[in-house]
Amino acid sequence: MTDIPRIPEDIEGGNLDLPVTLSASVLLTSLPRDGQRALQKAAHPTPTKVTIKFKAMGSAPMLNKDTYKIKTSQRFENVAVFLRSQLGIGPADSLFLYINFTFAPALDENVGNLWNCFKTGEELIINYSMQSAFG
């Protein structure tokens, strides 16, 4: 095993802290996009209640009222149970829920997280169908 030479911490007794002049320092004229997004979220925290809008797909029955408020702390399972009661269908009947015609969230997903990530305007659009619409 060979000894690796060490770089001295002090050069001839001098201090290595070199001052940087103001003209040599970097000045940010704007925040990076991720920084701006983080500041926006901090300035506008998630509300305690959010708006969800139900949209029927295919042969699913329409709701009399399609827009509701829900607490952000609730699970998506509560949305499914509520929609079943509004449509008058039992737990054995098929009901498929999608966010923005895109994906079916897990029933244990938090409504606040879904709203933060997938809202359209200030609403979370939930499409529902009696048959599987995709795949």
Foldseek 3Di string as FASTA:
>chain_A
DDDDDDDDCDDVPDHPDDDDDPVRDDDDPDDPPVVVVVVVCVVPPQDQKAKAFEDEDDPQDDAPDGIDIDGQADFQLVVVVVVCVRSVHDPVFAKFKDWPVPDGDDRRHGNSVQQVPRNDPRYTYIYMYRDDPDD
